C-alpha atoms as a PDB file:
ATOM      1  CA  UNK A   1       0.000   0.000   0.000  1.00  0.00           C
ATOM      2  CA  UNK A   2       1.215   3.488  -0.873  1.00  0.00           C
ATOM      3  CA  UNK A   3       0.312   6.637   1.013  1.00  0.00           C
ATOM      4  CA  UNK A   4       1.490  10.089  -0.066  1.00  0.00           C
ATOM      5  CA  UNK A   5       1.235  12.697   2.671  1.00  0.00           C
ATOM      6  CA  UNK A   6       1.476  16.352   1.641  1.00  0.00           C
ATOM      7  CA  UNK A   7       2.059  19.458   3.706  1.00  0.00           C
ATOM      8  CA  UNK A   8       2.897  23.112   3.281  1.00  0.00           C
ATOM      9  CA  UNK A   9      -0.026  24.676   1.459  1.00  0.00           C
ATOM     10  CA  UNK A  10      -1.709  27.870   2.558  1.00  0.00           C
ATOM     11  CA  UNK A  11      -2.507  31.484   1.788  1.00  0.00           C
ATOM     12  CA  UNK A  12       0.251  33.802   0.592  1.00  0.00           C
ATOM     13  CA  UNK A  13       0.406  37.246  -0.976  1.00  0.00           C
ATOM     14  CA  UNK A  14       1.607  37.732  -4.548  1.00  0.00           C
ATOM     15  CA  UNK A  15       5.388  37.655  -4.644  1.00  0.00           C
ATOM     16  CA  UNK A  16       5.549  35.445  -1.596  1.00  0.00           C
ATOM     17  CA  UNK A  17       6.937  31.936  -1.152  1.00  0.00           C
ATOM     18  CA  UNK A  18       5.714  28.550  -0.005  1.00  0.00           C
ATOM     19  CA  UNK A  19       7.320  25.154   0.285  1.00  0.00           C
ATOM     20  CA  UNK A  20       5.351  21.988  -0.314  1.00  0.00           C
ATOM     21  CA  UNK A  21       6.541  18.636   0.972  1.00  0.00           C
ATOM     22  CA  UNK A  22       5.372  15.105   0.290  1.00  0.00           C
ATOM     23  CA  UNK A  23       6.386  11.932   2.086  1.00  0.00           C
ATOM     24  CA  UNK A  24       5.706   8.585   0.477  1.00  0.00           C
ATOM     25  CA  UNK A  25       4.881   6.016   3.151  1.00  0.00           C
ATOM     26  CA  UNK A  26       5.926   2.967   1.222  1.00  0.00           C
ATOM     27  CA  UNK A  27       8.791   0.547   0.776  1.00  0.00           C
ATOM     28  CA  UNK A  28       8.743   1.274  -2.942  1.00  0.00           C
ATOM     29  CA  UNK A  29      11.500   3.326  -4.497  1.00  0.00           C
ATOM     30  CA  UNK A  30       9.729   5.462  -7.048  1.00  0.00           C
ATOM     31  CA  UNK A  31      11.011   6.270 -10.505  1.00  0.00           C
ATOM     32  CA  UNK A  32       9.402   9.671 -10.955  1.00  0.00           C
ATOM     33  CA  UNK A  33       8.006  11.916  -8.264  1.00  0.00           C
ATOM     34  CA  UNK A  34       6.377  15.231  -8.891  1.00  0.00           C
ATOM     35  CA  UNK A  35       3.715  17.826  -8.362  1.00  0.00           C
ATOM     36  CA  UNK A  36       0.583  18.537 -10.322  1.00  0.00           C
ATOM     37  CA  UNK A  37      -2.040  21.206  -9.760  1.00  0.00           C
ATOM     38  CA  UNK A  38      -5.659  21.752 -10.565  1.00  0.00           C
ATOM     39  CA  UNK A  39      -7.366  25.120 -10.528  1.00  0.00           C
ATOM     40  CA  UNK A  40     -11.177  25.460 -10.423  1.00  0.00           C
ATOM     41  CA  UNK A  41     -12.688  24.665 -13.803  1.00  0.00           C
ATOM     42  CA  UNK A  42      -9.379  23.524 -15.258  1.00  0.00           C
ATOM     43  CA  UNK A  43      -7.715  20.204 -15.899  1.00  0.00           C
ATOM     44  CA  UNK A  44      -4.961  18.861 -13.692  1.00  0.00           C
ATOM     45  CA  UNK A  45      -1.570  19.877 -15.072  1.00  0.00           C
ATOM     46  CA  UNK A  46       2.043  18.979 -14.437  1.00  0.00           C
ATOM     47  CA  UNK A  47       3.966  21.544 -12.398  1.00  0.00           C
ATOM     48  CA  UNK A  48       7.312  19.802 -11.942  1.00  0.00           C
ATOM     49  CA  UNK A  49       8.733  16.303 -11.995  1.00  0.00           C
ATOM     50  CA  UNK A  50      11.996  14.724 -10.889  1.00  0.00           C
ATOM     51  CA  UNK A  51      13.457  11.310 -11.630  1.00  0.00           C
ATOM     52  CA  UNK A  52      15.268   9.095  -9.148  1.00  0.00           C
ATOM     53  CA  UNK A  53      18.495  10.269 -10.773  1.00  0.00           C
ATOM     54  CA  UNK A  54      17.652  13.926 -10.239  1.00  0.00           C
ATOM     55  CA  UNK A  55      16.626  14.968 -13.747  1.00  0.00           C
ATOM     56  CA  UNK A  56      13.887  17.580 -13.644  1.00  0.00           C
ATOM     57  CA  UNK A  57      11.329  19.163 -15.882  1.00  0.00           C
ATOM     58  CA  UNK A  58       8.990  22.063 -15.238  1.00  0.00           C
ATOM     59  CA  UNK A  59       5.907  23.617 -16.711  1.00  0.00           C
ATOM     60  CA  UNK A  60       6.860  26.736 -18.666  1.00  0.00           C
ATOM     61  CA  UNK A  61       4.687  28.844 -16.384  1.00  0.00           C
ATOM     62  CA  UNK A  62       6.788  28.047 -13.304  1.00  0.00           C
ATOM     63  CA  UNK A  63      10.322  27.892 -14.730  1.00  0.00           C
ATOM     64  CA  UNK A  64      12.665  30.145 -12.811  1.00  0.00           C
ATOM     65  CA  UNK A  65      10.260  30.442  -9.878  1.00  0.00           C
ATOM     66  CA  UNK A  66       9.726  26.873  -8.630  1.00  0.00           C
ATOM     67  CA  UNK A  67      12.350  24.291  -7.686  1.00  0.00           C
ATOM     68  CA  UNK A  68      11.677  20.613  -7.165  1.00  0.00           C
ATOM     69  CA  UNK A  69      13.918  18.362  -5.092  1.00  0.00           C
ATOM     70  CA  UNK A  70      13.793  14.891  -3.613  1.00  0.00           C
ATOM     71  CA  UNK A  71      15.449  12.789  -0.959  1.00  0.00           C
ATOM     72  CA  UNK A  72      15.509   9.196  -2.158  1.00  0.00           C
ATOM     73  CA  UNK A  73      16.582   7.845   1.217  1.00  0.00           C
ATOM     74  CA  UNK A  74      13.584   9.452   2.915  1.00  0.00           C
ATOM     75  CA  UNK A  75      11.207   8.957  -0.014  1.00  0.00           C
ATOM     76  CA  UNK A  76      10.273  12.635  -0.016  1.00  0.00           C
ATOM     77  CA  UNK A  77       9.764  15.233  -2.693  1.00  0.00           C
ATOM     78  CA  UNK A  78       9.542  18.987  -2.136  1.00  0.00           C
ATOM     79  CA  UNK A  79       8.535  21.986  -4.181  1.00  0.00           C
ATOM     80  CA  UNK A  80       9.946  25.401  -3.345  1.00  0.00           C
ATOM     81  CA  UNK A  81       7.683  28.053  -4.835  1.00  0.00           C
ATOM     82  CA  UNK A  82       8.954  31.622  -5.066  1.00  0.00           C
ATOM     83  CA  UNK A  83       7.485  34.785  -6.555  1.00  0.00           C
ATOM     84  CA  UNK A  84       4.029  33.296  -6.417  1.00  0.00           C
ATOM     85  CA  UNK A  85       1.328  34.733  -8.635  1.00  0.00           C
ATOM     86  CA  UNK A  86      -2.472  34.662  -8.340  1.00  0.00           C
ATOM     87  CA  UNK A  87      -2.570  32.264 -11.289  1.00  0.00           C
ATOM     88  CA  UNK A  88      -0.652  29.742  -9.185  1.00  0.00           C
ATOM     89  CA  UNK A  89      -3.736  29.327  -7.020  1.00  0.00           C
ATOM     90  CA  UNK A  90      -4.800  25.686  -7.173  1.00  0.00           C
ATOM     91  CA  UNK A  91      -4.911  22.405  -5.320  1.00  0.00           C
ATOM     92  CA  UNK A  92      -1.455  20.866  -5.572  1.00  0.00           C
ATOM     93  CA  UNK A  93      -1.120  17.095  -5.724  1.00  0.00           C
ATOM     94  CA  UNK A  94       1.925  14.975  -5.045  1.00  0.00           C
ATOM     95  CA  UNK A  95       2.490  12.156  -7.537  1.00  0.00           C
ATOM     96  CA  UNK A  96       4.765   9.129  -7.459  1.00  0.00           C
ATOM     97  CA  UNK A  97       5.277   6.530 -10.163  1.00  0.00           C
ATOM     98  CA  UNK A  98       6.354   2.913  -9.781  1.00  0.00           C
ATOM     99  CA  UNK A  99       4.664   0.777 -12.369  1.00  0.00           C
ATOM    100  CA  UNK A 100       1.439   2.472 -11.328  1.00  0.00           C
ATOM    101  CA  UNK A 101       0.778   6.122 -10.493  1.00  0.00           C
ATOM    102  CA  UNK A 102      -0.031   7.208  -6.957  1.00  0.00           C
ATOM    103  CA  UNK A 103      -1.548  10.450  -5.726  1.00  0.00           C
ATOM    104  CA  UNK A 104      -1.693  12.452  -2.536  1.00  0.00           C
ATOM    105  CA  UNK A 105      -4.892  13.972  -1.213  1.00  0.00           C
ATOM    106  CA  UNK A 106      -3.983  17.477  -2.362  1.00  0.00           C
ATOM    107  CA  UNK A 107      -3.082  20.686  -0.575  1.00  0.00           C
ATOM    108  CA  UNK A 108      -4.593  24.095  -1.298  1.00  0.00           C
ATOM    109  CA  UNK A 109      -2.350  26.959  -2.369  1.00  0.00           C
ATOM    110  CA  UNK A 110      -4.003  30.364  -2.566  1.00  0.00           C
ATOM    111  CA  UNK A 111      -2.148  33.435  -3.801  1.00  0.00           C
ATOM    112  CA  UNK A 112      -4.102  36.564  -3.054  1.00  0.00           C
ATOM    113  CA  UNK A 113      -3.690  40.023  -1.586  1.00  0.00           C
END
């Protein structure tokens, strides 16, 4: 059984920062781990992804502002979000892939003045 536990969401003003963390409670060692987000009325989209070897890719909208990292030994993945914009407001979901795809419960990020 795989459980992804997220933390770190909240309300922040434009230009502010937040850090999301996700711990995978599992003995599996995941290939890819990442973050997706879904805003109201929109489809879920990839924000950032990182392989077990450390290769990363980002959505164009967050490049230069967000940084993804992972600790393979602790089975955690984090997302540092800087210079947040109102359009970053969404529910952020942790994702981990090992044969199948696993999802966290989601954490709300709201960017508003």
